[in-house]
Amino acid sequence: IALGRRLYEFGLAYGERSLLLQEARPVLNVLRDETGE
């Protein structure tokens, strides 16, 4: 047995609804681009 794909749906929903992830994502991408790390 293994984890089911419905958990993936739950994870996507969490990512879309988490204010922390929403606000951090663009800043994280800029940080990566500025540092290369």
PDB file of all heavy atoms in Angstrom:
ATOM      1  N   ILE A   1       0.852  -1.186   0.000  1.00  0.00           N
ATOM      2  CA  ILE A   1       0.000   0.000   0.000  1.00  0.00           C
ATOM      3  C   ILE A   1       0.891   1.240   0.000  1.00  0.00           C
ATOM      4  O   ILE A   1       2.062   1.188   0.386  1.00  0.00           O
ATOM      5  CB  ILE A   1      -0.952   0.030   1.218  1.00  0.00           C
ATOM      6  CG1 ILE A   1      -0.161  -0.037   2.528  1.00  0.00           C
ATOM      7  CG2 ILE A   1      -1.978  -1.081   1.137  1.00  0.00           C
ATOM      8  CD1 ILE A   1      -1.019   0.174   3.762  1.00  0.00           C
ATOM      9  N   ALA A   2       0.316   2.359  -0.447  1.00  0.00           N
ATOM     10  CA  ALA A   2       1.053   3.618  -0.515  1.00  0.00           C
ATOM     11  C   ALA A   2       0.071   4.768  -0.306  1.00  0.00           C
ATOM     12  O   ALA A   2      -1.148   4.570  -0.303  1.00  0.00           O
ATOM     13  CB  ALA A   2       1.753   3.747  -1.871  1.00  0.00           C
ATOM     14  N   LEU A   3       0.600   5.949  -0.145  1.00  0.00           N
ATOM     15  CA  LEU A   3      -0.252   7.124  -0.022  1.00  0.00           C
ATOM     16  C   LEU A   3      -1.095   7.303  -1.276  1.00  0.00           C
ATOM     17  O   LEU A   3      -0.617   7.083  -2.397  1.00  0.00           O
ATOM     18  CB  LEU A   3       0.596   8.376   0.214  1.00  0.00           C
ATOM     19  CG  LEU A   3       1.375   8.444   1.531  1.00  0.00           C
ATOM     20  CD1 LEU A   3       2.210   9.720   1.566  1.00  0.00           C
ATOM     21  CD2 LEU A   3       0.438   8.388   2.730  1.00  0.00           C
ATOM     22  N   GLY A   4      -2.333   7.731  -1.103  1.00  0.00           N
ATOM     23  CA  GLY A   4      -3.247   7.908  -2.224  1.00  0.00           C
ATOM     24  C   GLY A   4      -3.192   9.302  -2.821  1.00  0.00           C
ATOM     25  O   GLY A   4      -2.782  10.258  -2.169  1.00  0.00           O
ATOM     26  N   ARG A   5      -3.644   9.400  -4.055  1.00  0.00           N
ATOM     27  CA  ARG A   5      -3.545  10.673  -4.768  1.00  0.00           C
ATOM     28  C   ARG A   5      -4.466  11.748  -4.200  1.00  0.00           C
ATOM     29  O   ARG A   5      -4.262  12.929  -4.432  1.00  0.00           O
ATOM     30  CB  ARG A   5      -3.839  10.473  -6.248  1.00  0.00           C
ATOM     31  CG  ARG A   5      -5.273  10.044  -6.577  1.00  0.00           C
ATOM     32  CD  ARG A   5      -5.394   9.675  -8.036  1.00  0.00           C
ATOM     33  NE  ARG A   5      -4.633   8.462  -8.310  1.00  0.00           N
ATOM     34  CZ  ARG A   5      -4.508   7.937  -9.543  1.00  0.00           C
ATOM     35  NH1 ARG A   5      -5.066   8.527 -10.570  1.00  0.00           N
ATOM     36  NH2 ARG A   5      -3.818   6.836  -9.723  1.00  0.00           N
ATOM     37  N   ARG A   6      -5.481  11.352  -3.431  1.00  0.00           N
ATOM     38  CA  ARG A   6      -6.362  12.358  -2.865  1.00  0.00           C
ATOM     39  C   ARG A   6      -5.618  13.251  -1.865  1.00  0.00           C
ATOM     40  O   ARG A   6      -5.963  14.418  -1.683  1.00  0.00           O
ATOM     41  CB  ARG A   6      -7.555  11.700  -2.180  1.00  0.00           C
ATOM     42  CG  ARG A   6      -8.672  12.692  -1.859  1.00  0.00           C
ATOM     43  CD  ARG A   6      -9.925  12.013  -1.393  1.00  0.00           C
ATOM     44  NE  ARG A   6     -10.995  12.976  -1.200  1.00  0.00           N
ATOM     45  CZ  ARG A   6     -12.139  12.699  -0.607  1.00  0.00           C
ATOM     46  NH1 ARG A   6     -12.368  11.465  -0.171  1.00  0.00           N
ATOM     47  NH2 ARG A   6     -13.062  13.607  -0.451  1.00  0.00           N
ATOM     48  N   LEU A   7      -4.588  12.689  -1.238  1.00  0.00           N
ATOM     49  CA  LEU A   7      -3.766  13.494  -0.336  1.00  0.00           C
ATOM     50  C   LEU A   7      -3.061  14.605  -1.105  1.00  0.00           C
ATOM     51  O   LEU A   7      -2.826  15.690  -0.567  1.00  0.00           O
ATOM     52  CB  LEU A   7      -2.745  12.605   0.381  1.00  0.00           C
ATOM     53  CG  LEU A   7      -3.326  11.607   1.386  1.00  0.00           C
ATOM     54  CD1 LEU A   7      -2.243  10.659   1.875  1.00  0.00           C
ATOM     55  CD2 LEU A   7      -3.962  12.342   2.556  1.00  0.00           C
ATOM     56  N   TYR A   8      -2.718  14.332  -2.365  1.00  0.00           N
ATOM     57  CA  TYR A   8      -2.111  15.362  -3.218  1.00  0.00           C
ATOM     58  C   TYR A   8      -3.098  16.511  -3.429  1.00  0.00           C
ATOM     59  O   TYR A   8      -2.716  17.684  -3.389  1.00  0.00           O
ATOM     60  CB  TYR A   8      -1.698  14.746  -4.548  1.00  0.00           C
ATOM     61  CG  TYR A   8      -1.081  15.722  -5.521  1.00  0.00           C
ATOM     62  CD1 TYR A   8       0.144  16.315  -5.260  1.00  0.00           C
ATOM     63  CD2 TYR A   8      -1.734  16.043  -6.710  1.00  0.00           C
ATOM     64  CE1 TYR A   8       0.710  17.207  -6.156  1.00  0.00           C
ATOM     65  CE2 TYR A   8      -1.177  16.931  -7.608  1.00  0.00           C
ATOM     66  CZ  TYR A   8       0.044  17.512  -7.321  1.00  0.00           C
ATOM     67  OH  TYR A   8       0.600  18.408  -8.212  1.00  0.00           O
ATOM     68  N   GLU A   9      -4.354  16.170  -3.619  1.00  0.00           N
ATOM     69  CA  GLU A   9      -5.371  17.206  -3.764  1.00  0.00           C
ATOM     70  C   GLU A   9      -5.471  18.044  -2.500  1.00  0.00           C
ATOM     71  O   GLU A   9      -5.591  19.280  -2.563  1.00  0.00           O
ATOM     72  CB  GLU A   9      -6.731  16.566  -4.065  1.00  0.00           C
ATOM     73  CG  GLU A   9      -6.797  15.798  -5.371  1.00  0.00           C
ATOM     74  CD  GLU A   9      -8.139  15.113  -5.547  1.00  0.00           C
ATOM     75  OE1 GLU A   9      -9.130  15.589  -4.973  1.00  0.00           O
ATOM     76  OE2 GLU A   9      -8.197  14.089  -6.252  1.00  0.00           O
ATOM     77  N   PHE A  10      -5.418  17.383  -1.349  1.00  0.00           N
ATOM     78  CA  PHE A  10      -5.474  18.111  -0.089  1.00  0.00           C
ATOM     79  C   PHE A  10      -4.276  19.042   0.046  1.00  0.00           C
ATOM     80  O   PHE A  10      -4.397  20.183   0.510  1.00  0.00           O
ATOM     81  CB  PHE A  10      -5.486  17.128   1.093  1.00  0.00           C
ATOM     82  CG  PHE A  10      -6.761  16.338   1.221  1.00  0.00           C
ATOM     83  CD1 PHE A  10      -6.784  15.193   2.000  1.00  0.00           C
ATOM     84  CD2 PHE A  10      -7.923  16.723   0.576  1.00  0.00           C
ATOM     85  CE1 PHE A  10      -7.943  14.454   2.131  1.00  0.00           C
ATOM     86  CE2 PHE A  10      -9.092  15.984   0.701  1.00  0.00           C
ATOM     87  CZ  PHE A  10      -9.103  14.851   1.477  1.00  0.00           C
ATOM     88  N   GLY A  11      -3.093  18.557  -0.370  1.00  0.00           N
ATOM     89  CA  GLY A  11      -1.891  19.385  -0.299  1.00  0.00           C
ATOM     90  C   GLY A  11      -1.991  20.609  -1.191  1.00  0.00           C
ATOM     91  O   GLY A  11      -1.598  21.714  -0.794  1.00  0.00           O
ATOM     92  N   LEU A  12      -2.517  20.423  -2.396  1.00  0.00           N
ATOM     93  CA  LEU A  12      -2.702  21.563  -3.290  1.00  0.00           C
ATOM     94  C   LEU A  12      -3.674  22.580  -2.699  1.00  0.00           C
ATOM     95  O   LEU A  12      -3.449  23.795  -2.767  1.00  0.00           O
ATOM     96  CB  LEU A  12      -3.221  21.082  -4.649  1.00  0.00           C
ATOM     97  CG  LEU A  12      -2.243  20.281  -5.514  1.00  0.00           C
ATOM     98  CD1 LEU A  12      -2.945  19.800  -6.787  1.00  0.00           C
ATOM     99  CD2 LEU A  12      -1.015  21.107  -5.873  1.00  0.00           C
ATOM    100  N   ALA A  13      -4.736  22.081  -2.110  1.00  0.00           N
ATOM    101  CA  ALA A  13      -5.718  22.979  -1.504  1.00  0.00           C
ATOM    102  C   ALA A  13      -5.111  23.761  -0.351  1.00  0.00           C
ATOM    103  O   ALA A  13      -5.348  24.956  -0.184  1.00  0.00           O
ATOM    104  CB  ALA A  13      -6.935  22.180  -1.024  1.00  0.00           C
ATOM    105  N   TYR A  14      -4.280  23.087   0.446  1.00  0.00           N
ATOM    106  CA  TYR A  14      -3.628  23.781   1.558  1.00  0.00           C
ATOM    107  C   TYR A  14      -2.722  24.886   1.026  1.00  0.00           C
ATOM    108  O   TYR A  14      -2.709  26.001   1.552  1.00  0.00           O
ATOM    109  CB  TYR A  14      -2.821  22.787   2.393  1.00  0.00           C
ATOM    110  CG  TYR A  14      -1.999  23.458   3.474  1.00  0.00           C
ATOM    111  CD1 TYR A  14      -2.594  23.899   4.655  1.00  0.00           C
ATOM    112  CD2 TYR A  14      -0.624  23.676   3.307  1.00  0.00           C
ATOM    113  CE1 TYR A  14      -1.852  24.524   5.634  1.00  0.00           C
ATOM    114  CE2 TYR A  14       0.117  24.297   4.284  1.00  0.00           C
ATOM    115  CZ  TYR A  14      -0.498  24.731   5.449  1.00  0.00           C
ATOM    116  OH  TYR A  14       0.239  25.365   6.406  1.00  0.00           O
ATOM    117  N   GLY A  15      -1.951  24.570  -0.030  1.00  0.00           N
ATOM    118  CA  GLY A  15      -1.053  25.568  -0.602  1.00  0.00           C
ATOM    119  C   GLY A  15      -1.779  26.782  -1.138  1.00  0.00           C
ATOM    120  O   GLY A  15      -1.304  27.911  -1.034  1.00  0.00           O
ATOM    121  N   GLU A  16      -2.964  26.549  -1.709  1.00  0.00           N
ATOM    122  CA  GLU A  16      -3.736  27.656  -2.279  1.00  0.00           C
ATOM    123  C   GLU A  16      -4.380  28.520  -1.199  1.00  0.00           C
ATOM    124  O   GLU A  16      -4.637  29.700  -1.410  1.00  0.00           O
ATOM    125  CB  GLU A  16      -4.823  27.092  -3.198  1.00  0.00           C
ATOM    126  CG  GLU A  16      -4.269  26.449  -4.472  1.00  0.00           C
ATOM    127  CD  GLU A  16      -5.350  25.728  -5.261  1.00  0.00           C
ATOM    128  OE1 GLU A  16      -6.511  25.694  -4.767  1.00  0.00           O
ATOM    129  OE2 GLU A  16      -5.042  25.200  -6.341  1.00  0.00           O
ATOM    130  N   ARG A  17      -4.645  27.938  -0.031  1.00  0.00           N
ATOM    131  CA  ARG A  17      -5.391  28.658   0.999  1.00  0.00           C
ATOM    132  C   ARG A  17      -4.517  29.180   2.132  1.00  0.00           C
ATOM    133  O   ARG A  17      -4.996  29.949   2.963  1.00  0.00           O
ATOM    134  CB  ARG A  17      -6.471  27.733   1.581  1.00  0.00           C
ATOM    135  CG  ARG A  17      -7.498  27.322   0.535  1.00  0.00           C
ATOM    136  CD  ARG A  17      -8.388  26.199   1.014  1.00  0.00           C
ATOM    137  NE  ARG A  17      -9.195  25.664  -0.078  1.00  0.00           N
ATOM    138  CZ  ARG A  17      -9.985  24.600   0.018  1.00  0.00           C
ATOM    139  NH1 ARG A  17     -10.078  23.960   1.177  1.00  0.00           N
ATOM    140  NH2 ARG A  17     -10.667  24.173  -1.021  1.00  0.00           N
ATOM    141  N   SER A  18      -3.265  28.763   2.180  1.00  0.00           N
ATOM    142  CA  SER A  18      -2.367  29.216   3.246  1.00  0.00           C
ATOM    143  C   SER A  18      -1.852  30.615   2.924  1.00  0.00           C
ATOM    144  O   SER A  18      -1.157  30.822   1.923  1.00  0.00           O
ATOM    145  CB  SER A  18      -1.198  28.251   3.395  1.00  0.00           C
ATOM    146  OG  SER A  18      -0.184  28.821   4.191  1.00  0.00           O
ATOM    147  N   LEU A  19      -2.165  31.585   3.768  1.00  0.00           N
ATOM    148  CA  LEU A  19      -1.694  32.956   3.559  1.00  0.00           C
ATOM    149  C   LEU A  19      -0.170  33.005   3.610  1.00  0.00           C
ATOM    150  O   LEU A  19       0.468  33.713   2.816  1.00  0.00           O
ATOM    151  CB  LEU A  19      -2.292  33.887   4.619  1.00  0.00           C
ATOM    152  CG  LEU A  19      -1.903  35.365   4.511  1.00  0.00           C
ATOM    153  CD1 LEU A  19      -2.370  35.955   3.193  1.00  0.00           C
ATOM    154  CD2 LEU A  19      -2.476  36.148   5.687  1.00  0.00           C
ATOM    155  N   LEU A  20       0.426  32.237   4.517  1.00  0.00           N
ATOM    156  CA  LEU A  20       1.883  32.221   4.626  1.00  0.00           C
ATOM    157  C   LEU A  20       2.527  31.776   3.320  1.00  0.00           C
ATOM    158  O   LEU A  20       3.447  32.431   2.813  1.00  0.00           O
ATOM    159  CB  LEU A  20       2.313  31.288   5.767  1.00  0.00           C
ATOM    160  CG  LEU A  20       3.821  31.037   5.906  1.00  0.00           C
ATOM    161  CD1 LEU A  20       4.561  32.319   6.190  1.00  0.00           C
ATOM    162  CD2 LEU A  20       4.090  29.997   6.989  1.00  0.00           C
ATOM    163  N   LEU A  21       2.044  30.689   2.737  1.00  0.00           N
ATOM    164  CA  LEU A  21       2.626  30.190   1.493  1.00  0.00           C
ATOM    165  C   LEU A  21       2.363  31.146   0.335  1.00  0.00           C
ATOM    166  O   LEU A  21       3.235  31.366  -0.509  1.00  0.00           O
ATOM    167  CB  LEU A  21       2.075  28.799   1.171  1.00  0.00           C
ATOM    168  CG  LEU A  21       2.399  27.688   2.174  1.00  0.00           C
ATOM    169  CD1 LEU A  21       1.953  26.340   1.630  1.00  0.00           C
ATOM    170  CD2 LEU A  21       3.873  27.650   2.526  1.00  0.00           C
ATOM    171  N   GLN A  22       1.167  31.712   0.293  1.00  0.00           N
ATOM    172  CA  GLN A  22       0.836  32.647  -0.790  1.00  0.00           C
ATOM    173  C   GLN A  22       1.758  33.863  -0.771  1.00  0.00           C
ATOM    174  O   GLN A  22       2.258  34.306  -1.817  1.00  0.00           O
ATOM    175  CB  GLN A  22      -0.627  33.094  -0.662  1.00  0.00           C
ATOM    176  CG  GLN A  22      -1.645  32.029  -0.996  1.00  0.00           C
ATOM    177  CD  GLN A  22      -3.066  32.506  -0.752  1.00  0.00           C
ATOM    178  OE1 GLN A  22      -3.297  33.643  -0.369  1.00  0.00           O
ATOM    179  NE2 GLN A  22      -4.021  31.622  -0.952  1.00  0.00           N
ATOM    180  N   GLU A  23       1.967  34.433   0.419  1.00  0.00           N
ATOM    181  CA  GLU A  23       2.770  35.650   0.516  1.00  0.00           C
ATOM    182  C   GLU A  23       4.263  35.355   0.412  1.00  0.00           C
ATOM    183  O   GLU A  23       5.038  36.200  -0.052  1.00  0.00           O
ATOM    184  CB  GLU A  23       2.473  36.365   1.840  1.00  0.00           C
ATOM    185  CG  GLU A  23       1.036  36.820   1.995  1.00  0.00           C
ATOM    186  CD  GLU A  23       0.623  37.875   0.967  1.00  0.00           C
ATOM    187  OE1 GLU A  23       1.516  38.449   0.298  1.00  0.00           O
ATOM    188  OE2 GLU A  23      -0.584  38.110   0.811  1.00  0.00           O
ATOM    189  N   ALA A  24       4.678  34.160   0.825  1.00  0.00           N
ATOM    190  CA  ALA A  24       6.107  33.838   0.807  1.00  0.00           C
ATOM    191  C   ALA A  24       6.599  33.418  -0.569  1.00  0.00           C
ATOM    192  O   ALA A  24       7.763  33.660  -0.913  1.00  0.00           O
ATOM    193  CB  ALA A  24       6.391  32.730   1.818  1.00  0.00           C
ATOM    194  N   ARG A  25       5.736  32.806  -1.373  1.00  0.00           N
ATOM    195  CA  ARG A  25       6.183  32.211  -2.635  1.00  0.00           C
ATOM    196  C   ARG A  25       6.883  33.217  -3.555  1.00  0.00           C
ATOM    197  O   ARG A  25       8.008  32.940  -4.033  1.00  0.00           O
ATOM    198  CB  ARG A  25       5.000  31.541  -3.345  1.00  0.00           C
ATOM    199  CG  ARG A  25       5.414  30.744  -4.584  1.00  0.00           C
ATOM    200  CD  ARG A  25       4.262  29.966  -5.158  1.00  0.00           C
ATOM    201  NE  ARG A  25       3.918  28.800  -4.343  1.00  0.00           N
ATOM    202  CZ  ARG A  25       2.827  28.702  -3.597  1.00  0.00           C
ATOM    203  NH1 ARG A  25       1.953  29.700  -3.562  1.00  0.00           N
ATOM    204  NH2 ARG A  25       2.594  27.618  -2.893  1.00  0.00           N
ATOM    205  N   PRO A  26       6.293  34.390  -3.869  1.00  0.00           N
ATOM    206  CA  PRO A  26       6.995  35.307  -4.773  1.00  0.00           C
ATOM    207  C   PRO A  26       8.300  35.841  -4.183  1.00  0.00           C
ATOM    208  O   PRO A  26       9.280  36.037  -4.915  1.00  0.00           O
ATOM    209  CB  PRO A  26       5.974  36.430  -4.998  1.00  0.00           C
ATOM    210  CG  PRO A  26       5.002  36.323  -3.882  1.00  0.00           C
ATOM    211  CD  PRO A  26       4.951  34.876  -3.522  1.00  0.00           C
ATOM    212  N   VAL A  27       8.331  36.065  -2.880  1.00  0.00           N
ATOM    213  CA  VAL A  27       9.559  36.547  -2.246  1.00  0.00           C
ATOM    214  C   VAL A  27      10.637  35.469  -2.308  1.00  0.00           C
ATOM    215  O   VAL A  27      11.817  35.753  -2.552  1.00  0.00           O
ATOM    216  CB  VAL A  27       9.280  36.957  -0.783  1.00  0.00           C
ATOM    217  CG1 VAL A  27      10.561  37.408  -0.094  1.00  0.00           C
ATOM    218  CG2 VAL A  27       8.233  38.056  -0.717  1.00  0.00           C
ATOM    219  N   LEU A  28      10.237  34.229  -2.103  1.00  0.00           N
ATOM    220  CA  LEU A  28      11.171  33.106  -2.174  1.00  0.00           C
ATOM    221  C   LEU A  28      11.801  33.009  -3.559  1.00  0.00           C
ATOM    222  O   LEU A  28      13.009  32.797  -3.699  1.00  0.00           O
ATOM    223  CB  LEU A  28      10.412  31.817  -1.841  1.00  0.00           C
ATOM    224  CG  LEU A  28      11.245  30.607  -1.417  1.00  0.00           C
ATOM    225  CD1 LEU A  28      11.682  30.757   0.033  1.00  0.00           C
ATOM    226  CD2 LEU A  28      10.426  29.327  -1.563  1.00  0.00           C
ATOM    227  N   ASN A  29      10.989  33.184  -4.594  1.00  0.00           N
ATOM    228  CA  ASN A  29      11.499  33.097  -5.956  1.00  0.00           C
ATOM    229  C   ASN A  29      12.485  34.229  -6.259  1.00  0.00           C
ATOM    230  O   ASN A  29      13.509  34.005  -6.912  1.00  0.00           O
ATOM    231  CB  ASN A  29      10.338  33.132  -6.952  1.00  0.00           C
ATOM    232  CG  ASN A  29       9.511  31.856  -6.920  1.00  0.00           C
ATOM    233  OD1 ASN A  29      10.009  30.790  -6.552  1.00  0.00           O
ATOM    234  ND2 ASN A  29       8.245  31.953  -7.293  1.00  0.00           N
ATOM    235  N   VAL A  30      12.182  35.430  -5.786  1.00  0.00           N
ATOM    236  CA  VAL A  30      13.093  36.561  -5.988  1.00  0.00           C
ATOM    237  C   VAL A  30      14.401  36.317  -5.244  1.00  0.00           C
ATOM    238  O   VAL A  30      15.497  36.589  -5.757  1.00  0.00           O
ATOM    239  CB  VAL A  30      12.439  37.884  -5.528  1.00  0.00           C
ATOM    240  CG1 VAL A  30      13.461  39.013  -5.506  1.00  0.00           C
ATOM    241  CG2 VAL A  30      11.276  38.245  -6.444  1.00  0.00           C
ATOM    242  N   LEU A  31      14.307  35.797  -4.017  1.00  0.00           N
ATOM    243  CA  LEU A  31      15.504  35.499  -3.231  1.00  0.00           C
ATOM    244  C   LEU A  31      16.381  34.494  -3.969  1.00  0.00           C
ATOM    245  O   LEU A  31      17.612  34.650  -4.030  1.00  0.00           O
ATOM    246  CB  LEU A  31      15.089  34.952  -1.862  1.00  0.00           C
ATOM    247  CG  LEU A  31      16.214  34.519  -0.931  1.00  0.00           C
ATOM    248  CD1 LEU A  31      17.080  35.706  -0.531  1.00  0.00           C
ATOM    249  CD2 LEU A  31      15.633  33.854   0.326  1.00  0.00           C
ATOM    250  N   ARG A  32      15.774  33.456  -4.523  1.00  0.00           N
ATOM    251  CA  ARG A  32      16.520  32.464  -5.302  1.00  0.00           C
ATOM    252  C   ARG A  32      17.201  33.115  -6.504  1.00  0.00           C
ATOM    253  O   ARG A  32      18.374  32.846  -6.791  1.00  0.00           O
ATOM    254  CB  ARG A  32      15.559  31.359  -5.739  1.00  0.00           C
ATOM    255  CG  ARG A  32      16.172  30.183  -6.524  1.00  0.00           C
ATOM    256  CD  ARG A  32      16.135  30.402  -8.039  1.00  0.00           C
ATOM    257  NE  ARG A  32      14.888  30.921  -8.508  1.00  0.00           N
ATOM    258  CZ  ARG A  32      13.790  30.177  -8.784  1.00  0.00           C
ATOM    259  NH1 ARG A  32      13.809  28.881  -8.607  1.00  0.00           N
ATOM    260  NH2 ARG A  32      12.703  30.769  -9.247  1.00  0.00           N
ATOM    261  N   ASP A  33      16.466  33.992  -7.207  1.00  0.00           N
ATOM    262  CA  ASP A  33      17.033  34.629  -8.392  1.00  0.00           C
ATOM    263  C   ASP A  33      18.167  35.582  -8.040  1.00  0.00           C
ATOM    264  O   ASP A  33      19.155  35.689  -8.782  1.00  0.00           O
ATOM    265  CB  ASP A  33      15.934  35.386  -9.152  1.00  0.00           C
ATOM    266  CG  ASP A  33      14.895  34.452  -9.748  1.00  0.00           C
ATOM    267  OD1 ASP A  33      15.194  33.247  -9.907  1.00  0.00           O
ATOM    268  OD2 ASP A  33      13.777  34.922 -10.047  1.00  0.00           O
ATOM    269  N   GLU A  34      18.051  36.276  -6.915  1.00  0.00           N
ATOM    270  CA  GLU A  34      19.082  37.241  -6.513  1.00  0.00           C
ATOM    271  C   GLU A  34      20.356  36.554  -6.040  1.00  0.00           C
ATOM    272  O   GLU A  34      21.458  37.059  -6.265  1.00  0.00           O
ATOM    273  CB  GLU A  34      18.552  38.150  -5.404  1.00  0.00           C
ATOM    274  CG  GLU A  34      17.522  39.167  -5.873  1.00  0.00           C
ATOM    275  CD  GLU A  34      17.072  40.081  -4.750  1.00  0.00           C
ATOM    276  OE1 GLU A  34      17.440  39.812  -3.576  1.00  0.00           O
ATOM    277  OE2 GLU A  34      16.364  41.057  -5.041  1.00  0.00           O
ATOM    278  N   THR A  35      20.206  35.418  -5.366  1.00  0.00           N
ATOM    279  CA  THR A  35      21.375  34.753  -4.791  1.00  0.00           C
ATOM    280  C   THR A  35      21.888  33.595  -5.632  1.00  0.00           C
ATOM    281  O   THR A  35      23.052  33.200  -5.516  1.00  0.00           O
ATOM    282  CB  THR A  35      21.048  34.221  -3.385  1.00  0.00           C
ATOM    283  OG1 THR A  35      20.033  33.200  -3.487  1.00  0.00           O
ATOM    284  CG2 THR A  35      20.558  35.350  -2.485  1.00  0.00           C
ATOM    285  N   GLY A  36      21.009  33.020  -6.458  1.00  0.00           N
ATOM    286  CA  GLY A  36      21.361  31.830  -7.210  1.00  0.00           C
ATOM    287  C   GLY A  36      21.290  30.557  -6.390  1.00  0.00           C
ATOM    288  O   GLY A  36      21.494  29.456  -6.914  1.00  0.00           O
ATOM    289  N   GLU A  37      20.988  30.683  -5.089  1.00  0.00           N
ATOM    290  CA  GLU A  37      20.984  29.539  -4.192  1.00  0.00           C
ATOM    291  C   GLU A  37      19.562  29.020  -3.942  1.00  0.00           C
ATOM    292  O   GLU A  37      18.580  29.738  -4.170  1.00  0.00           O
ATOM    293  CB  GLU A  37      21.615  29.919  -2.846  1.00  0.00           C
ATOM    294  CG  GLU A  37      22.975  30.578  -2.948  1.00  0.00           C
ATOM    295  CD  GLU A  37      24.074  29.634  -3.443  1.00  0.00           C
ATOM    296  OE1 GLU A  37      23.795  28.431  -3.642  1.00  0.00           O
ATOM    297  OE2 GLU A  37      25.211  30.105  -3.631  1.00  0.00           O
TER     298      GLU A  37
END
